[in-house]
Protein backbone atom coordinates (compact mmCIF):
# COMPACT_ATOMS: atom_id res chain seq x y z
CA MET A 1 41.70 52.86 6.73
CA ALA A 2 38.89 50.34 6.10
CA LYS A 3 39.12 46.95 7.74
CA LYS A 4 39.43 44.08 5.29
CA LEU A 5 37.40 40.86 5.19
CA LEU A 6 38.45 37.87 3.07
CA GLN A 7 35.96 35.00 2.79
CA ILE A 8 36.77 31.56 1.36
CA ASN A 9 34.39 29.07 -0.29
CA PRO A 10 34.66 26.86 -3.39
CA VAL A 11 31.63 28.51 -5.02
CA MET A 12 30.34 32.07 -4.89
CA ARG A 13 27.19 31.58 -7.01
CA ILE A 14 24.10 32.91 -5.22
CA ASN A 15 22.08 29.86 -6.28
CA THR A 16 24.17 27.88 -3.80
CA SER A 17 23.49 28.35 -0.09
CA THR A 18 27.09 28.98 0.97
CA GLY A 19 27.78 31.19 -2.04
CA ARG A 20 24.74 33.33 -1.28
CA ILE A 21 25.58 33.56 2.43
CA MET A 22 29.15 34.58 1.62
CA GLN A 23 28.11 37.29 -0.84
CA GLU A 24 25.46 38.70 1.48
CA ILE A 25 27.87 38.82 4.42
CA GLY A 26 30.26 40.69 2.12
CA ASP A 27 27.51 43.16 1.21
CA ILE A 28 26.59 43.94 4.81
CA ALA A 29 30.27 44.22 5.72
CA MET A 30 30.78 46.83 2.99
CA ARG A 31 27.74 48.77 4.19
CA ASN A 32 29.45 48.91 7.56
CA GLY A 33 32.73 50.25 6.27
CA TRP A 34 34.64 47.06 5.55
CA GLU A 35 36.45 46.22 2.33
CA SER A 36 35.25 42.79 1.18
CA TYR A 37 37.06 40.07 -0.77
CA ILE A 38 35.74 36.65 -1.81
CA ALA A 39 38.07 33.76 -2.68
CA TYR A 40 36.55 30.92 -4.72
CA SER A 41 37.52 28.00 -6.94
CA LYS A 42 37.96 29.26 -10.49
CA GLY A 43 37.92 25.66 -11.65
CA ARG A 44 34.44 25.06 -10.22
CA ASP A 45 32.98 28.54 -10.57
CA GLY A 46 34.93 30.02 -13.44
CA ILE A 47 32.08 31.83 -15.22
CA GLU A 48 31.91 35.47 -14.26
CA LYS A 49 29.08 36.03 -11.80
CA PRO A 50 27.68 39.24 -10.30
CA CYS A 51 29.49 39.97 -7.08
CA ASN A 52 29.85 43.26 -5.22
CA SER A 53 32.95 42.12 -3.33
CA HIS A 54 36.42 41.92 -4.85
CA LYS A 55 36.77 38.49 -6.45
CA VAL A 56 39.83 36.36 -5.71
CA PRO A 57 39.91 33.33 -8.05
CA VAL A 58 41.91 30.32 -6.87
CA GLY A 59 43.38 27.67 -9.19
CA ASN A 60 41.93 26.65 -12.55
CA LYS A 61 39.97 23.86 -14.22
CA LEU A 62 42.97 21.58 -14.65
CA ASP A 63 43.93 21.97 -10.99
CA THR A 64 40.37 21.07 -9.94
CA ILE A 65 40.46 17.94 -12.13
CA ILE A 66 43.83 16.85 -10.68
CA HIS A 67 42.52 17.44 -7.15
CA GLY A 68 39.48 15.33 -7.99
CA LEU A 69 41.69 12.50 -9.21
CA ALA A 70 43.81 12.69 -6.05
CA THR A 71 40.59 12.32 -4.09
CA ARG A 72 39.15 9.46 -6.14
CA PHE A 73 42.35 7.39 -6.39
CA PHE A 74 44.21 8.20 -3.17
CA ASP A 75 41.65 9.66 -0.69
CA ARG A 76 43.65 12.89 -0.46
CA HIS A 77 40.81 15.38 -0.54
CA GLY A 78 42.11 18.76 0.57
CA LEU A 79 45.73 17.67 0.11
CA ALA A 80 46.30 18.45 -3.58
CA SER A 81 46.38 21.95 -5.14
CA LYS A 82 49.68 22.92 -3.49
CA ALA A 83 50.70 25.38 -6.22
CA ALA A 84 47.24 26.95 -6.33
CA THR A 85 47.27 27.36 -2.55
CA LYS A 86 50.73 28.95 -2.56
CA ASP A 87 49.55 31.41 -5.23
CA PHE A 88 46.47 32.14 -3.10
CA ILE A 89 48.71 32.85 -0.08
CA LYS A 90 50.53 35.47 -2.17
CA GLN A 91 47.16 37.11 -2.80
CA ILE A 92 46.39 37.02 0.94
CA GLU A 93 49.68 38.80 1.62
CA GLU A 94 48.77 41.49 -0.90
CA ILE A 95 45.26 41.97 0.54
CA LYS A 96 46.41 41.96 4.20
CA PRO A 97 42.96 41.03 5.60
CA ASP A 98 41.99 41.73 9.20
CA ILE A 99 39.65 38.72 9.17
CA ILE A 100 39.74 35.54 7.09
CA HIS A 101 36.30 33.91 7.20
CA ILE A 102 36.34 30.31 5.98
CA HIS A 103 33.08 28.69 4.89
CA ASN A 104 34.30 25.55 3.12
CA ILE A 105 37.83 24.63 2.10
CA HIS A 106 36.85 21.16 0.89
CA GLY A 107 35.90 21.52 -2.73
CA TYR A 108 38.85 20.38 -4.84
CA PHE A 109 40.68 23.73 -4.79
CA LEU A 110 42.85 24.24 -1.68
CA ASN A 111 45.53 22.35 0.23
CA TYR A 112 44.60 22.74 3.88
CA GLN A 113 48.06 21.78 5.17
CA VAL A 114 49.75 24.52 3.13
CA LEU A 115 47.06 27.06 4.01
CA PHE A 116 47.01 26.36 7.75
CA ASP A 117 50.80 26.23 7.95
CA TYR A 118 50.70 29.80 6.67
CA LEU A 119 47.79 30.93 8.85
CA ALA A 120 49.45 29.55 11.99
CA LYS A 121 52.46 31.81 11.40
CA THR A 122 50.53 35.03 10.75
CA ASP A 123 48.55 37.22 13.14
CA ILE A 124 45.39 37.13 10.99
CA ILE A 125 42.15 36.32 12.83
CA VAL A 126 40.33 33.29 11.38
CA VAL A 127 36.57 32.71 11.63
CA TRP A 128 35.38 29.32 10.37
CA THR A 129 31.67 28.67 9.79
CA VAL A 130 30.91 24.96 10.08
CA HIS A 131 28.28 24.00 7.48
CA ASP A 132 28.98 20.24 7.73
CA CYS A 133 31.20 17.75 9.58
CA TRP A 134 34.10 17.33 7.15
CA LEU A 135 36.65 19.36 9.09
CA TYR A 136 36.72 16.97 12.07
CA THR A 137 36.34 13.57 10.36
CA GLY A 138 38.85 11.49 8.44
CA HIS A 139 36.73 11.43 5.31
CA CYS A 140 32.98 12.08 5.35
CA TYR A 141 30.96 15.29 5.48
CA HIS A 142 28.29 13.66 7.68
CA TYR A 143 28.14 10.47 9.71
CA SER A 144 24.70 10.34 11.35
CA PHE A 145 23.03 8.03 8.84
CA ALA A 146 26.01 5.67 8.90
CA LYS A 147 25.85 5.71 12.72
CA CYS A 148 29.63 6.09 12.82
CA ASP A 149 31.42 7.59 15.83
CA LYS A 150 35.02 6.90 14.84
CA TRP A 151 35.60 10.66 14.48
CA MET A 152 35.63 10.93 18.27
CA THR A 153 38.86 8.96 18.66
CA GLY A 154 40.40 8.42 15.23
CA CYS A 155 39.06 7.24 11.88
CA GLY A 156 39.95 4.21 9.80
CA LYS A 157 38.11 1.56 7.77
CA CYS A 158 35.67 4.28 6.75
CA PRO A 159 32.13 2.98 6.11
CA GLN A 160 31.53 5.89 3.73
CA GLN A 161 34.76 5.73 1.73
CA ARG A 162 32.86 5.73 -1.57
CA LEU A 163 30.59 8.61 -0.63
CA PHE A 164 31.48 12.30 -1.00
CA PRO A 165 34.33 13.04 -1.21
CA ALA A 166 34.49 9.58 -2.75
CA SER A 167 37.66 7.51 -2.86
CA TRP A 168 37.40 4.48 -5.15
CA PHE A 169 40.39 2.42 -4.06
CA VAL A 170 42.23 3.80 -1.02
CA ASP A 171 40.96 4.33 2.52
CA ARG A 172 43.23 6.99 3.97
CA SER A 173 40.76 8.12 6.63
CA ALA A 174 43.02 7.25 9.59
CA GLN A 175 45.84 9.43 8.28
CA ASN A 176 43.44 12.14 7.10
CA TYR A 177 42.13 12.36 10.66
CA ILE A 178 45.65 12.91 12.00
CA ASP A 179 46.50 15.40 9.25
CA LYS A 180 43.39 17.48 9.93
CA LYS A 181 43.90 17.35 13.69
CA ASN A 182 47.42 18.68 13.34
CA ALA A 183 46.56 21.35 10.77
CA PHE A 184 43.38 22.72 12.28
CA ASN A 185 44.80 22.87 15.80
CA SER A 186 47.89 24.74 14.63
CA ILE A 187 46.43 28.25 14.92
CA PRO A 188 47.21 29.69 18.37
CA HIS A 189 44.32 30.02 20.81
CA GLY A 190 42.58 33.36 20.49
CA ARG A 191 43.06 33.68 16.72
CA LEU A 192 40.55 31.05 15.58
CA VAL A 193 36.82 31.20 16.32
CA ILE A 194 34.65 28.36 15.02
CA VAL A 195 31.03 29.20 14.19
CA PRO A 196 28.75 26.14 14.04
CA VAL A 197 25.40 26.81 12.34
CA SER A 198 23.53 24.75 14.95
CA GLU A 199 23.71 23.87 18.61
CA TRP A 200 23.75 20.23 17.56
CA ILE A 201 26.98 20.47 15.60
CA ARG A 202 28.48 22.57 18.41
CA GLY A 203 27.75 19.70 20.76
CA GLU A 204 29.28 17.19 18.36
CA MET A 205 32.45 19.23 18.01
CA SER A 206 32.84 19.36 21.80
CA ARG A 207 33.70 15.65 21.49
CA SER A 208 36.06 16.09 18.52
CA PHE A 209 39.75 16.96 18.29
CA LEU A 210 38.65 20.61 18.07
CA LYS A 211 36.94 20.54 21.48
CA ASP A 212 39.29 23.14 23.00
CA CYS A 213 38.66 25.80 20.33
CA GLU A 214 36.62 28.96 20.87
CA TYR A 215 33.03 28.69 19.58
CA ARG A 216 30.13 30.99 18.73
CA VAL A 217 26.91 29.48 17.35
CA ILE A 218 25.27 31.60 14.63
CA HIS A 219 22.24 30.06 12.95
CA ASN A 220 21.61 30.61 9.27
CA GLY A 221 18.89 33.08 8.34
CA ILE A 222 16.55 33.45 5.38
CA ASP A 223 14.89 36.20 3.33
CA LEU A 224 11.65 36.87 5.21
CA ASN A 225 10.36 39.13 2.42
CA THR A 226 10.47 36.22 -0.03
CA PHE A 227 9.39 33.49 2.37
CA THR A 228 6.20 34.96 3.71
CA ILE A 229 2.54 33.96 3.89
CA ARG A 230 1.20 34.06 0.32
CA ASP A 231 -2.02 33.59 -1.60
CA THR A 232 -2.26 29.93 -2.60
CA LYS A 233 -5.02 29.80 -5.23
CA ALA A 234 -2.71 29.82 -8.27
CA VAL A 235 -0.36 27.12 -7.01
CA LYS A 236 -3.22 24.88 -5.85
CA ASP A 237 -4.87 25.20 -9.26
CA LYS A 238 -1.59 24.50 -11.06
CA TYR A 239 -0.91 21.24 -9.24
CA GLY A 240 -4.49 20.10 -8.63
CA LEU A 241 -4.33 20.47 -4.84
CA ASN A 242 -7.77 21.90 -4.14
CA GLY A 243 -9.70 19.90 -1.55
CA LYS A 244 -6.60 17.96 -0.51
CA ARG A 245 -4.72 17.85 2.77
CA ILE A 246 -1.17 18.62 1.67
CA TYR A 247 2.01 17.19 3.16
CA LEU A 248 4.97 18.97 1.56
CA GLY A 249 8.58 17.78 1.34
CA LEU A 250 11.58 19.40 -0.33
CA ALA A 251 15.20 18.51 -1.05
CA SER A 252 17.80 19.73 -3.51
CA ILE A 253 18.77 16.07 -4.07
CA TRP A 254 16.46 13.35 -2.77
CA SER A 255 18.05 10.35 -1.10
CA THR A 256 17.37 7.81 1.63
CA GLU A 257 19.13 10.16 4.06
CA LYS A 258 16.76 12.99 3.14
CA GLY A 259 13.72 10.79 3.76
CA TRP A 260 12.74 9.62 0.27
CA ASP A 261 12.08 6.04 1.41
CA ASP A 262 10.07 7.30 4.38
CA PHE A 263 7.83 9.37 2.10
CA MET A 264 7.26 6.33 -0.11
CA GLU A 265 6.24 4.30 2.96
CA MET A 266 4.06 7.15 4.17
CA SER A 267 2.26 7.28 0.82
CA LYS A 268 0.97 3.74 1.40
CA LEU A 269 -0.86 4.92 4.52
CA LEU A 270 -2.62 8.01 3.13
CA ASN A 271 -6.37 8.53 3.01
CA ASP A 272 -8.04 9.54 -0.25
CA ASP A 273 -8.16 13.21 0.72
CA GLU A 274 -4.44 13.36 1.52
CA THR A 275 -1.54 13.95 -0.85
CA ILE A 276 2.23 14.27 -0.62
CA VAL A 277 3.94 16.97 -2.69
CA LEU A 278 7.68 16.53 -3.18
CA VAL A 279 9.85 19.29 -4.69
CA GLY A 280 13.26 18.52 -6.16
CA VAL A 281 12.38 15.16 -7.75
CA GLU A 282 14.35 13.99 -10.78
CA LYS A 283 12.28 13.81 -13.97
CA ALA A 284 13.02 10.11 -14.36
CA LYS A 285 11.50 9.36 -10.96
CA ILE A 286 8.28 11.33 -11.37
CA GLN A 287 6.55 8.82 -13.67
CA ASP A 288 7.09 6.03 -11.13
CA LEU A 289 5.62 7.88 -8.15
CA PRO A 290 2.46 6.56 -6.44
CA LYS A 291 -0.75 8.29 -7.52
CA ASN A 292 -1.06 10.11 -4.21
CA VAL A 293 2.42 11.65 -4.53
CA ILE A 294 2.95 14.70 -6.75
CA GLY A 295 6.55 15.17 -7.88
CA ILE A 296 7.89 18.57 -8.93
CA THR A 297 11.38 18.88 -10.41
CA ARG A 298 11.65 22.49 -9.41
CA THR A 299 9.35 25.45 -9.00
CA GLU A 300 9.22 28.11 -11.70
CA ASN A 301 10.66 30.69 -9.29
CA ILE A 302 11.30 31.26 -5.61
CA GLY A 303 7.92 32.98 -5.24
CA GLN A 304 6.09 29.84 -6.36
CA LEU A 305 8.07 27.83 -3.82
CA ALA A 306 6.86 30.21 -1.10
CA GLU A 307 3.31 29.67 -2.40
CA LEU A 308 3.75 25.90 -2.05
CA TYR A 309 5.03 26.32 1.49
CA SER A 310 1.99 28.51 2.23
CA ALA A 311 -0.41 26.02 0.64
CA ALA A 312 0.83 23.02 2.60
CA ASP A 313 -1.01 21.96 5.73
CA VAL A 314 2.22 20.55 7.12
CA PHE A 315 5.84 20.60 6.01
CA VAL A 316 7.19 17.09 6.63
CA ASN A 317 10.95 16.63 6.98
CA PRO A 318 11.93 12.98 7.65
CA THR A 319 15.65 13.72 7.33
CA TRP A 320 18.13 11.25 8.79
CA GLN A 321 21.09 13.65 8.90
CA ASP A 322 21.06 17.43 8.93
CA ASN A 323 22.86 20.30 10.58
CA TYR A 324 20.26 23.09 10.44
CA PRO A 325 17.94 22.61 7.45
CA THR A 326 16.90 25.87 5.83
CA VAL A 327 13.73 24.26 4.46
CA ASN A 328 12.29 24.15 8.00
CA LEU A 329 12.88 27.88 8.39
CA GLU A 330 11.31 28.65 5.01
CA ALA A 331 8.17 26.65 5.78
CA ILE A 332 7.72 28.22 9.21
CA SER A 333 8.26 31.69 7.75
CA CYS A 334 5.41 30.98 5.30
CA GLY A 335 3.13 30.12 8.21
CA THR A 336 3.34 26.34 7.88
CA PRO A 337 4.17 24.06 10.83
CA VAL A 338 6.91 21.43 10.55
CA VAL A 339 6.92 17.78 11.55
CA THR A 340 10.46 16.39 11.53
CA TYR A 341 12.51 13.52 12.84
CA ARG A 342 14.68 14.01 15.91
CA THR A 343 17.72 14.49 13.74
CA GLY A 344 20.72 16.75 14.33
CA GLY A 345 19.87 20.44 14.10
CA SER A 346 16.54 19.82 12.37
CA VAL A 347 14.80 20.13 15.73
CA GLU A 348 16.24 23.54 16.62
CA ALA A 349 13.56 25.60 14.88
CA ILE A 350 10.72 23.50 16.33
CA THR A 351 8.70 24.82 19.27
CA ASP A 352 5.15 24.16 20.47
CA GLN A 353 4.09 26.96 18.11
CA THR A 354 6.02 25.86 15.04
CA GLY A 355 5.70 22.08 14.86
CA VAL A 356 6.39 18.68 16.40
CA VAL A 357 9.39 16.34 16.58
CA VAL A 358 9.01 12.58 15.92
CA GLU A 359 11.53 9.81 16.59
CA GLN A 360 13.64 8.72 13.61
CA GLY A 361 12.14 6.02 11.42
CA ASP A 362 8.65 6.12 12.92
CA VAL A 363 6.78 6.60 9.63
CA LYS A 364 3.37 5.85 11.14
CA GLY A 365 4.10 8.31 13.93
CA LEU A 366 5.25 10.84 11.35
CA LEU A 367 1.96 10.61 9.47
CA ASN A 368 -0.22 10.49 12.59
CA THR A 369 1.54 13.55 13.98
CA ALA A 370 1.18 15.39 10.66
CA ARG A 371 -2.54 14.55 10.71
CA GLU A 372 -2.88 15.80 14.25
CA VAL A 373 -1.11 19.05 13.39
CA ALA A 374 -3.20 19.52 10.24
CA SER A 375 -6.45 18.81 12.11
CA ARG A 376 -5.87 21.88 14.29
CA GLY A 377 -6.20 24.00 11.15
CA LYS A 378 -3.72 26.30 9.48
CA GLU A 379 -5.02 29.27 11.48
CA TYR A 380 -3.78 27.66 14.70
CA TYR A 381 -0.16 27.78 13.54
CA GLN A 382 0.04 30.42 10.82
CA GLU A 383 0.53 33.63 12.75
CA PRO A 384 2.64 32.07 15.57
CA CYS A 385 4.91 30.53 12.94
CA ARG A 386 5.33 33.81 11.15
CA GLU A 387 5.98 35.70 14.36
CA TYR A 388 8.60 33.17 15.43
CA ALA A 389 10.30 33.55 12.04
CA LEU A 390 10.36 37.33 12.34
CA GLN A 391 12.02 37.07 15.71
CA ASN A 392 14.57 34.39 14.85
CA PHE A 393 15.17 33.81 11.13
CA LYS A 394 15.86 37.24 9.62
CA LYS A 395 19.05 36.83 7.62
CA GLU A 396 20.09 40.45 8.13
CA ASN A 397 20.17 39.84 11.88
CA ARG A 398 22.29 36.72 11.51
CA TYR A 399 24.74 38.55 9.22
CA ALA A 400 24.87 41.36 11.77
CA ASP A 401 25.92 38.72 14.31
CA TYR A 402 28.96 38.04 12.14
CA LEU A 403 29.78 41.74 11.93
CA LYS A 404 29.60 42.00 15.71
CA LEU A 405 31.94 39.01 15.98
CA TYR A 406 34.40 40.53 13.49
CA ASP A 407 34.46 43.84 15.35
CA GLU A 408 34.86 42.11 18.69
CA LEU A 409 37.79 40.05 17.45
CA VAL A 410 39.54 43.02 15.83
CA CYS A 411 39.12 45.04 19.05
CA ARG A 412 40.38 42.12 21.12
CA LYS A 413 43.46 41.84 18.93
CA SER A 414 44.18 45.53 19.30
CA GLY A 415 43.78 45.29 23.08
CA LYS A 416 40.71 47.53 23.25
CA ILE A 417 38.68 44.82 25.02
């Protein structure tokens, strides 16, 4: 009888990073003899999407709205949706999975107290991939930019109350911290393995209320066939980049935390032959950009993005909070070195062959380092970057790491190891 894998995430769409990762893990699991199920928020991802795994919709649009209101008015994110979660548990009992792999349960669709009360009483193995910091804080999904360390001892008077998942009136972070600590520590030792996506977040969690859990770090991977060294003539012609030294930046949503302000400061220091290209810029912001900054809302396709990575002399990532940014991997895979701040897991793909790390907030140092890297010439970094990517970033290898973990845990449960 085939082993069964049930993954959980609010969205399953492949144009989201966690949705794509979840679907691709499901695909490789099925190729290795597993039966794959994917649970997702019907209220957030209700349109039918291609998916090779069995789909398990949770809740509905109304439930998602009510959960959102509970978050906004009472700071109870992850504590609404009781009925939807109980219905989901009935589906779990019908599926009888060998492994439940959680990606995100924050997303306005599950009640973590109800879910973990159930999981603690079963013998199902739980693997939890940590994509952000929400599971061990009283409110926020990241705290680096706010320079907050309350999560180490107990939250309260949250400095990010009005940031995602925003609460407009109530600060319940102290109680949320206690609720999460009790729920997430309820699964007996040996049945929960936490998988941080970076060594940085693993280190952070060693100081959290989950410090005694079992951990395995598995970095995210990327598609090395898509993100590869490409011909750059077309993209340079399209955006008028010929004869320019190109400093590329990319974000799905630009913000101070992602380095927008730093790029604007950097633009004031550029020489005439230098230009900054930023991808992911809102249309309304493009017309106000300095003349030496080219804003692109989005590329026409993923191939053109790979061409931009390939065309850049340096990929610059002045992020102030990040776990393990995929953009660094994509740039390196396209043969382009990275200059980034010493921030979280952003440094973990950086070696002497793939880029340089600069201290946070040192905009002049950021630019001077980017110039120094660019002056060595693309040939100096291109092949070493690509080779490093081939050895470390292949997504199929990272998904295989999950399969090895699943098999190990199933064998351990059965007493075979």
